[in-house]
Amino acid sequence: MLIEPDEDAAIRHVTDHLKTSFSDSRAPDEIEAAVATAYASFDDLPIRTYVPVLVERQARRVLAERSR
């Protein structure tokens, strides 16, 4: 899959945003892993417009569940 520069920047922004949101409860590498796993789950989608939003939602859900 070819990653568009805008999508790559958006995923970096999602990662940074989640690191800020979960800084008190999650290690940066755990957040990066959650984002990478979520991102990989959308590899086959032909339309990429909403992938960063979907990645953030999925990663946030995983990180929040681990906080309980």
Protein backbone atom coordinates (compact mmCIF):
# COMPACT_ATOMS: atom_id res chain seq x y z
CA MET A 1 0.00 0.00 0.00
CA LEU A 2 1.27 3.45 -0.90
CA ILE A 3 0.90 5.91 1.98
CA GLU A 4 0.00 9.41 0.93
CA PRO A 5 1.97 12.20 2.66
CA ASP A 6 -1.22 13.71 4.08
CA GLU A 7 -2.31 10.39 5.54
CA ASP A 8 1.13 9.80 7.03
CA ALA A 9 1.05 13.25 8.64
CA ALA A 10 -2.46 12.62 9.93
CA ILE A 11 -1.41 9.34 11.55
CA ARG A 12 1.57 11.07 13.21
CA HIS A 13 -0.86 13.71 14.51
CA VAL A 14 -3.19 10.99 15.85
CA THR A 15 -0.24 9.34 17.61
CA ASP A 16 0.89 12.63 19.15
CA HIS A 17 -2.66 13.47 20.23
CA LEU A 18 -3.12 10.08 21.90
CA LYS A 19 0.26 10.39 23.61
CA THR A 20 -0.97 13.64 25.15
CA SER A 21 -4.35 12.17 26.08
CA PHE A 22 -2.93 9.02 27.66
CA SER A 23 0.37 10.37 29.00
CA ASP A 24 -0.63 9.65 32.59
CA SER A 25 -1.65 6.02 32.01
CA ARG A 26 0.15 4.64 28.94
CA ALA A 27 3.76 4.44 27.79
CA PRO A 28 4.55 6.07 24.43
CA ASP A 29 5.53 2.73 22.88
CA GLU A 30 2.21 1.19 23.94
CA ILE A 31 0.35 4.07 22.28
CA GLU A 32 2.43 3.73 19.12
CA ALA A 33 1.68 0.01 19.05
CA ALA A 34 -2.07 0.61 19.43
CA VAL A 35 -2.00 3.12 16.56
CA ALA A 36 0.10 0.81 14.37
CA THR A 37 -2.26 -2.12 14.98
CA ALA A 38 -5.32 0.00 14.27
CA TYR A 39 -3.72 1.45 11.15
CA ALA A 40 -2.80 -1.98 9.82
CA SER A 41 -6.40 -3.13 10.20
CA PHE A 42 -7.44 -0.58 7.55
CA ASP A 43 -4.78 -1.51 4.96
CA ASP A 44 -7.29 -2.98 2.53
CA LEU A 45 -9.65 -0.02 2.41
CA PRO A 46 -9.60 1.53 -1.05
CA ILE A 47 -11.00 4.85 0.14
CA ARG A 48 -8.54 6.42 2.57
CA THR A 49 -10.32 9.66 3.49
CA TYR A 50 -11.45 8.65 6.97
CA VAL A 51 -8.69 6.21 7.88
CA PRO A 52 -6.98 8.57 10.38
CA VAL A 53 -10.28 9.15 12.20
CA LEU A 54 -11.01 5.44 12.30
CA VAL A 55 -7.49 4.69 13.52
CA GLU A 56 -7.82 7.20 16.34
CA ARG A 57 -11.18 5.81 17.44
CA GLN A 58 -9.96 2.22 17.41
CA ALA A 59 -6.67 2.99 19.18
CA ARG A 60 -8.42 5.17 21.77
CA ARG A 61 -10.90 2.38 22.49
CA VAL A 62 -8.08 -0.16 22.96
CA LEU A 63 -6.09 2.17 25.20
CA ALA A 64 -9.14 3.07 27.29
CA GLU A 65 -10.04 -0.59 27.78
CA ARG A 66 -6.54 -1.31 29.05
CA SER A 67 -6.93 1.54 31.55
CA ARG A 68 -9.73 -0.18 33.41
